[in-house]
Structures are given as structure tokens and as C-alpha cells.
Amino acid sequence: MTNNNLDNSTDWAKQAYAQLKQKQEQQKKQEQQKLEQQKQEQQKKSNKS
């Protein structure tokens, strides 16, 4: 394996890792939004009764 190939594979790995992290962050945000919505809906229900 030449040095150039090594550079390419580490670049690829860095990009793949960055994309994975980004995906995880987005999923985390979506989960938090869902939880917030559920909390708000429960508060509305408890306020009505």
C-alpha cells in the first residue's frame, strides 16, 4: 500500500465517521423533539381535567 492510498483510506474513514456522527446527532434531536411534544400533549391533557 502506497502512502497515497493510505491517505485516501484515512480520508474516507474520516468522512464516513463524520457522516455517522452527523446522523446520530440528527436522530438525537428528533428523539428530543418527540419527547417534548409528548410532554406538551400530556400537560394539555392534565390541564383539561
C-alpha atoms as a PDB file:
ATOM      1  CA  MET A   1       0.000   0.000   0.000  1.00  0.00           C
ATOM      2  CA  THR A   2       1.486   3.319  -1.012  1.00  0.00           C
ATOM      3  CA  ASN A   3       1.382   6.386   1.182  1.00  0.00           C
ATOM      4  CA  ASN A   4      -1.190   7.981  -1.139  1.00  0.00           C
ATOM      5  CA  ASN A   5      -3.553   5.031  -0.761  1.00  0.00           C
ATOM      6  CA  LEU A   6      -3.163   5.233   2.984  1.00  0.00           C
ATOM      7  CA  ASP A   7      -4.084   8.923   2.888  1.00  0.00           C
ATOM      8  CA  ASN A   8      -7.139   8.157   0.771  1.00  0.00           C
ATOM      9  CA  SER A   9      -8.375   5.463   3.108  1.00  0.00           C
ATOM     10  CA  THR A  10      -7.939   7.634   6.192  1.00  0.00           C
ATOM     11  CA  ASP A  11      -9.762  10.478   4.430  1.00  0.00           C
ATOM     12  CA  TRP A  12     -12.580   8.097   3.575  1.00  0.00           C
ATOM     13  CA  ALA A  13     -12.737   6.857   7.154  1.00  0.00           C
ATOM     14  CA  LYS A  14     -12.830  10.417   8.499  1.00  0.00           C
ATOM     15  CA  GLN A  15     -15.668  11.326   6.150  1.00  0.00           C
ATOM     16  CA  ALA A  16     -17.632   8.175   6.986  1.00  0.00           C
ATOM     17  CA  TYR A  17     -17.180   8.836  10.707  1.00  0.00           C
ATOM     18  CA  ALA A  18     -18.228  12.472  10.345  1.00  0.00           C
ATOM     19  CA  GLN A  19     -21.362  11.433   8.453  1.00  0.00           C
ATOM     20  CA  LEU A  20     -22.188   8.832  11.079  1.00  0.00           C
ATOM     21  CA  LYS A  21     -21.797  11.366  13.876  1.00  0.00           C
ATOM     22  CA  GLN A  22     -23.984  13.836  11.993  1.00  0.00           C
ATOM     23  CA  LYS A  23     -26.680  11.196  11.502  1.00  0.00           C
ATOM     24  CA  GLN A  24     -26.598  10.320  15.196  1.00  0.00           C
ATOM     25  CA  GLU A  25     -26.934  13.996  16.150  1.00  0.00           C
ATOM     26  CA  GLN A  26     -29.974  14.375  13.882  1.00  0.00           C
ATOM     27  CA  GLN A  27     -31.597  11.274  15.363  1.00  0.00           C
ATOM     28  CA  LYS A  28     -30.925  12.585  18.860  1.00  0.00           C
ATOM     29  CA  LYS A  29     -32.579  15.907  18.016  1.00  0.00           C
ATOM     30  CA  GLN A  30     -35.610  14.158  16.531  1.00  0.00           C
ATOM     31  CA  GLU A  31     -35.965  11.994  19.641  1.00  0.00           C
ATOM     32  CA  GLN A  32     -35.783  15.068  21.880  1.00  0.00           C
ATOM     33  CA  GLN A  33     -38.418  16.835  19.799  1.00  0.00           C
ATOM     34  CA  LYS A  34     -40.722  13.811  20.074  1.00  0.00           C
ATOM     35  CA  LEU A  35     -40.263  13.733  23.843  1.00  0.00           C
ATOM     36  CA  GLU A  36     -41.010  17.454  24.077  1.00  0.00           C
ATOM     37  CA  GLN A  37     -44.187  17.030  22.033  1.00  0.00           C
ATOM     38  CA  GLN A  38     -45.316  14.144  24.222  1.00  0.00           C
ATOM     39  CA  LYS A  39     -44.680  16.209  27.368  1.00  0.00           C
ATOM     40  CA  GLN A  40     -46.677  19.123  25.960  1.00  0.00           C
ATOM     41  CA  GLU A  41     -49.566  16.860  24.977  1.00  0.00           C
ATOM     42  CA  GLN A  42     -49.644  15.314  28.451  1.00  0.00           C
ATOM     43  CA  GLN A  43     -49.630  18.774  30.029  1.00  0.00           C
ATOM     44  CA  LYS A  44     -52.564  19.799  27.842  1.00  0.00           C
ATOM     45  CA  LYS A  45     -54.473  16.683  28.866  1.00  0.00           C
ATOM     46  CA  SER A  46     -53.784  17.202  32.570  1.00  0.00           C
ATOM     47  CA  ASN A  47     -54.760  20.888  32.298  1.00  0.00           C
ATOM     48  CA  LYS A  48     -58.118  19.997  30.774  1.00  0.00           C
ATOM     49  CA  SER A  49     -59.142  17.568  33.518  1.00  0.00           C
END
